[in-house]
Amino acid sequence: MKHYLPMILYCGWFLMVPPNDTANAPLSTWQQASAHDTARECETEKREMIALFFKDAFKESKGVKIGGYSKEAYIVGRCIPADSILVK
């Protein structure tokens, strides 16, 4: 008798940000800012990155980027399943 283990699918999530802060750019041109195990972790990362821009040290700075991306890029960024055809 054969025993079959249930298959666990691992997907993961990507925080994707648009090029040049252009929210209406095709998703195929967006870049991966970070990777996460769950959607919740991805959304938390997005909120934390946006919050960094509002800290006192960054309030007066224009054109500041964190992780290579601007505040606007993180604001319009999206968390997308890693296995989505949208990121391939």
N, C-alpha and C. Protein backbone atom coordinates (compact mmCIF):
# COMPACT_ATOMS: atom_id res chain seq x y z
N MET A 1 0.85 -1.17 0.00
CA MET A 1 0.00 0.00 0.00
C MET A 1 0.90 1.24 0.00
N LYS A 2 0.59 2.16 -0.89
CA LYS A 2 1.37 3.39 -0.97
C LYS A 2 0.76 4.46 -0.08
N HIS A 3 1.64 5.24 0.52
CA HIS A 3 1.18 6.37 1.33
C HIS A 3 1.56 7.65 0.60
N TYR A 4 0.64 8.54 0.51
CA TYR A 4 0.88 9.81 -0.16
C TYR A 4 0.83 10.94 0.86
N LEU A 5 1.84 11.71 0.85
CA LEU A 5 1.87 12.88 1.73
C LEU A 5 1.14 14.01 1.03
N PRO A 6 0.40 14.79 1.76
CA PRO A 6 -0.25 15.93 1.11
C PRO A 6 0.81 16.90 0.57
N MET A 7 0.54 17.42 -0.59
CA MET A 7 1.47 18.35 -1.20
C MET A 7 1.20 19.75 -0.67
N ILE A 8 2.24 20.38 -0.21
CA ILE A 8 2.12 21.75 0.29
C ILE A 8 2.69 22.68 -0.76
N LEU A 9 1.87 23.55 -1.22
CA LEU A 9 2.30 24.50 -2.24
C LEU A 9 2.83 25.76 -1.55
N TYR A 10 4.03 26.11 -1.90
CA TYR A 10 4.62 27.32 -1.35
C TYR A 10 4.58 28.39 -2.43
N CYS A 11 3.97 29.46 -2.11
CA CYS A 11 3.82 30.51 -3.10
C CYS A 11 4.75 31.68 -2.80
N GLY A 12 4.57 32.31 -1.68
CA GLY A 12 5.32 33.50 -1.38
C GLY A 12 4.66 34.72 -2.00
N TRP A 13 5.11 35.88 -1.57
CA TRP A 13 4.54 37.14 -2.03
C TRP A 13 5.64 38.12 -2.36
N PHE A 14 5.45 38.91 -3.39
CA PHE A 14 6.39 39.95 -3.77
C PHE A 14 5.75 41.31 -3.56
N LEU A 15 6.52 42.23 -3.00
CA LEU A 15 6.11 43.63 -2.99
C LEU A 15 6.66 44.23 -4.27
N MET A 16 5.77 44.59 -5.17
CA MET A 16 6.15 45.12 -6.47
C MET A 16 5.92 46.63 -6.49
N VAL A 17 6.87 47.35 -7.07
CA VAL A 17 6.76 48.81 -7.17
C VAL A 17 6.93 49.22 -8.63
N PRO A 18 6.25 50.30 -9.02
CA PRO A 18 6.30 50.72 -10.42
C PRO A 18 7.60 51.46 -10.76
N PRO A 19 7.97 51.44 -12.02
CA PRO A 19 9.14 52.20 -12.44
C PRO A 19 8.81 53.69 -12.46
N ASN A 20 9.72 54.50 -12.03
CA ASN A 20 9.54 55.96 -12.08
C ASN A 20 8.25 56.42 -11.43
N ASP A 21 7.81 55.70 -10.41
CA ASP A 21 6.61 56.09 -9.64
C ASP A 21 5.36 56.19 -10.51
N THR A 22 5.30 55.47 -11.59
CA THR A 22 4.18 55.54 -12.52
C THR A 22 3.22 54.39 -12.24
N ALA A 23 2.16 54.68 -11.51
CA ALA A 23 1.22 53.65 -11.09
C ALA A 23 0.51 52.99 -12.27
N ASN A 24 0.37 53.70 -13.36
CA ASN A 24 -0.36 53.13 -14.50
C ASN A 24 0.56 52.40 -15.48
N ALA A 25 1.81 52.19 -15.10
CA ALA A 25 2.74 51.42 -15.94
C ALA A 25 2.29 49.96 -15.95
N PRO A 26 2.50 49.25 -17.04
CA PRO A 26 2.14 47.83 -17.07
C PRO A 26 2.85 47.07 -15.94
N LEU A 27 2.13 46.18 -15.30
CA LEU A 27 2.69 45.44 -14.18
C LEU A 27 3.94 44.66 -14.58
N SER A 28 4.03 44.30 -15.83
CA SER A 28 5.22 43.56 -16.29
C SER A 28 6.49 44.40 -16.21
N THR A 29 6.36 45.72 -16.08
CA THR A 29 7.52 46.60 -15.97
C THR A 29 7.87 46.95 -14.52
N TRP A 30 7.02 46.53 -13.58
CA TRP A 30 7.26 46.82 -12.17
C TRP A 30 8.43 45.98 -11.67
N GLN A 31 9.03 46.42 -10.56
CA GLN A 31 10.19 45.75 -10.00
C GLN A 31 9.87 45.17 -8.64
N GLN A 32 10.55 44.08 -8.31
CA GLN A 32 10.36 43.45 -7.01
C GLN A 32 11.17 44.21 -5.97
N ALA A 33 10.48 44.80 -4.99
CA ALA A 33 11.17 45.52 -3.92
C ALA A 33 11.55 44.57 -2.79
N SER A 34 10.73 43.53 -2.55
CA SER A 34 11.03 42.57 -1.49
C SER A 34 10.19 41.32 -1.70
N ALA A 35 10.56 40.24 -1.00
CA ALA A 35 9.85 38.96 -1.06
C ALA A 35 9.47 38.54 0.35
N HIS A 36 8.30 37.89 0.47
CA HIS A 36 7.77 37.53 1.79
C HIS A 36 7.08 36.18 1.74
N ASP A 37 6.95 35.56 2.91
CA ASP A 37 6.27 34.27 3.00
C ASP A 37 4.76 34.40 2.94
N THR A 38 4.22 35.49 3.47
CA THR A 38 2.76 35.66 3.52
C THR A 38 2.36 37.04 3.01
N ALA A 39 1.09 37.15 2.64
CA ALA A 39 0.56 38.44 2.20
C ALA A 39 0.61 39.45 3.35
N ARG A 40 0.35 38.99 4.55
CA ARG A 40 0.38 39.87 5.72
C ARG A 40 1.77 40.47 5.93
N GLU A 41 2.81 39.62 5.80
CA GLU A 41 4.18 40.12 5.94
C GLU A 41 4.49 41.14 4.85
N CYS A 42 4.02 40.89 3.66
CA CYS A 42 4.26 41.81 2.54
C CYS A 42 3.60 43.16 2.81
N GLU A 43 2.34 43.14 3.22
CA GLU A 43 1.62 44.38 3.49
C GLU A 43 2.25 45.13 4.67
N THR A 44 2.73 44.39 5.66
CA THR A 44 3.41 45.02 6.80
C THR A 44 4.68 45.72 6.33
N GLU A 45 5.45 45.06 5.49
CA GLU A 45 6.67 45.67 4.93
C GLU A 45 6.33 46.95 4.17
N LYS A 46 5.29 46.91 3.37
CA LYS A 46 4.88 48.09 2.60
C LYS A 46 4.56 49.25 3.54
N ARG A 47 3.76 48.99 4.58
CA ARG A 47 3.40 50.04 5.54
C ARG A 47 4.63 50.58 6.26
N GLU A 48 5.55 49.68 6.64
CA GLU A 48 6.75 50.11 7.36
C GLU A 48 7.66 50.96 6.47
N MET A 49 7.77 50.61 5.20
CA MET A 49 8.60 51.40 4.30
C MET A 49 8.00 52.79 4.10
N ILE A 50 6.70 52.86 3.94
CA ILE A 50 6.04 54.17 3.80
C ILE A 50 6.23 54.99 5.06
N ALA A 51 6.10 54.36 6.23
CA ALA A 51 6.25 55.06 7.50
C ALA A 51 7.64 55.66 7.65
N LEU A 52 8.67 54.98 7.12
CA LEU A 52 10.03 55.52 7.20
C LEU A 52 10.14 56.89 6.56
N PHE A 53 9.42 57.11 5.48
CA PHE A 53 9.49 58.39 4.78
C PHE A 53 8.89 59.53 5.60
N PHE A 54 8.05 59.20 6.57
CA PHE A 54 7.41 60.24 7.37
C PHE A 54 8.11 60.48 8.69
N LYS A 55 9.20 59.80 8.91
CA LYS A 55 10.00 60.07 10.11
C LYS A 55 10.67 61.43 9.95
N ASP A 56 10.99 62.06 11.05
CA ASP A 56 11.55 63.41 11.03
C ASP A 56 12.77 63.55 10.12
N ALA A 57 13.61 62.54 10.08
CA ALA A 57 14.85 62.64 9.29
C ALA A 57 14.57 62.77 7.80
N PHE A 58 13.44 62.27 7.35
CA PHE A 58 13.14 62.29 5.93
C PHE A 58 12.13 63.36 5.52
N LYS A 59 11.43 63.96 6.48
CA LYS A 59 10.37 64.90 6.14
C LYS A 59 10.84 66.05 5.27
N GLU A 60 12.02 66.56 5.54
CA GLU A 60 12.52 67.73 4.81
C GLU A 60 13.28 67.36 3.54
N SER A 61 13.60 66.10 3.38
CA SER A 61 14.41 65.68 2.23
C SER A 61 13.53 65.40 1.02
N LYS A 62 13.91 65.96 -0.11
CA LYS A 62 13.17 65.70 -1.34
C LYS A 62 13.97 64.72 -2.18
N GLY A 63 13.28 63.85 -2.87
CA GLY A 63 13.94 62.90 -3.74
C GLY A 63 14.64 61.76 -3.01
N VAL A 64 14.32 61.60 -1.72
CA VAL A 64 14.95 60.53 -0.95
C VAL A 64 14.37 59.19 -1.38
N LYS A 65 15.24 58.20 -1.44
CA LYS A 65 14.81 56.85 -1.78
C LYS A 65 15.29 55.90 -0.70
N ILE A 66 14.48 54.91 -0.41
CA ILE A 66 14.83 53.87 0.54
C ILE A 66 14.78 52.55 -0.22
N GLY A 67 15.86 51.83 -0.18
CA GLY A 67 15.91 50.58 -0.93
C GLY A 67 15.88 50.81 -2.42
N GLY A 68 16.22 52.02 -2.84
CA GLY A 68 16.23 52.34 -4.26
C GLY A 68 14.90 52.82 -4.80
N TYR A 69 13.89 52.95 -3.93
CA TYR A 69 12.56 53.34 -4.38
C TYR A 69 12.05 54.54 -3.59
N SER A 70 11.22 55.34 -4.22
CA SER A 70 10.68 56.54 -3.59
C SER A 70 9.44 56.23 -2.76
N LYS A 71 9.04 57.21 -1.98
CA LYS A 71 7.81 57.09 -1.18
C LYS A 71 6.63 56.79 -2.08
N GLU A 72 6.53 57.49 -3.19
CA GLU A 72 5.41 57.30 -4.11
C GLU A 72 5.36 55.88 -4.65
N ALA A 73 6.53 55.31 -4.93
CA ALA A 73 6.58 53.94 -5.45
C ALA A 73 6.02 52.96 -4.42
N TYR A 74 6.37 53.15 -3.14
CA TYR A 74 5.85 52.26 -2.11
C TYR A 74 4.35 52.49 -1.90
N ILE A 75 3.90 53.71 -1.99
CA ILE A 75 2.48 54.00 -1.79
C ILE A 75 1.62 53.28 -2.81
N VAL A 76 2.03 53.29 -4.07
CA VAL A 76 1.24 52.63 -5.12
C VAL A 76 1.66 51.17 -5.32
N GLY A 77 2.69 50.72 -4.60
CA GLY A 77 3.15 49.34 -4.73
C GLY A 77 2.07 48.35 -4.35
N ARG A 78 2.24 47.12 -4.83
CA ARG A 78 1.25 46.07 -4.58
C ARG A 78 1.94 44.79 -4.13
N CYS A 79 1.25 44.06 -3.27
CA CYS A 79 1.71 42.73 -2.89
C CYS A 79 1.02 41.73 -3.81
N ILE A 80 1.84 40.91 -4.47
CA ILE A 80 1.33 40.01 -5.49
C ILE A 80 1.89 38.61 -5.22
N PRO A 81 1.05 37.57 -5.37
CA PRO A 81 1.57 36.20 -5.18
C PRO A 81 2.73 35.94 -6.15
N ALA A 82 3.76 35.29 -5.63
CA ALA A 82 4.95 35.02 -6.43
C ALA A 82 4.65 34.15 -7.64
N ASP A 83 3.62 33.33 -7.56
CA ASP A 83 3.30 32.45 -8.68
C ASP A 83 2.31 33.07 -9.65
N SER A 84 2.01 34.33 -9.47
CA SER A 84 1.07 35.02 -10.35
C SER A 84 1.67 35.19 -11.75
N ILE A 85 0.84 35.04 -12.76
CA ILE A 85 1.32 35.26 -14.12
C ILE A 85 1.64 36.72 -14.35
N LEU A 86 1.19 37.58 -13.45
CA LEU A 86 1.44 39.01 -13.60
C LEU A 86 2.90 39.37 -13.36
N VAL A 87 3.64 38.52 -12.64
CA VAL A 87 5.03 38.84 -12.35
C VAL A 87 6.00 38.00 -13.17
N LYS A 88 5.49 37.29 -14.14
CA LYS A 88 6.36 36.45 -14.98
C LYS A 88 6.65 37.11 -16.30
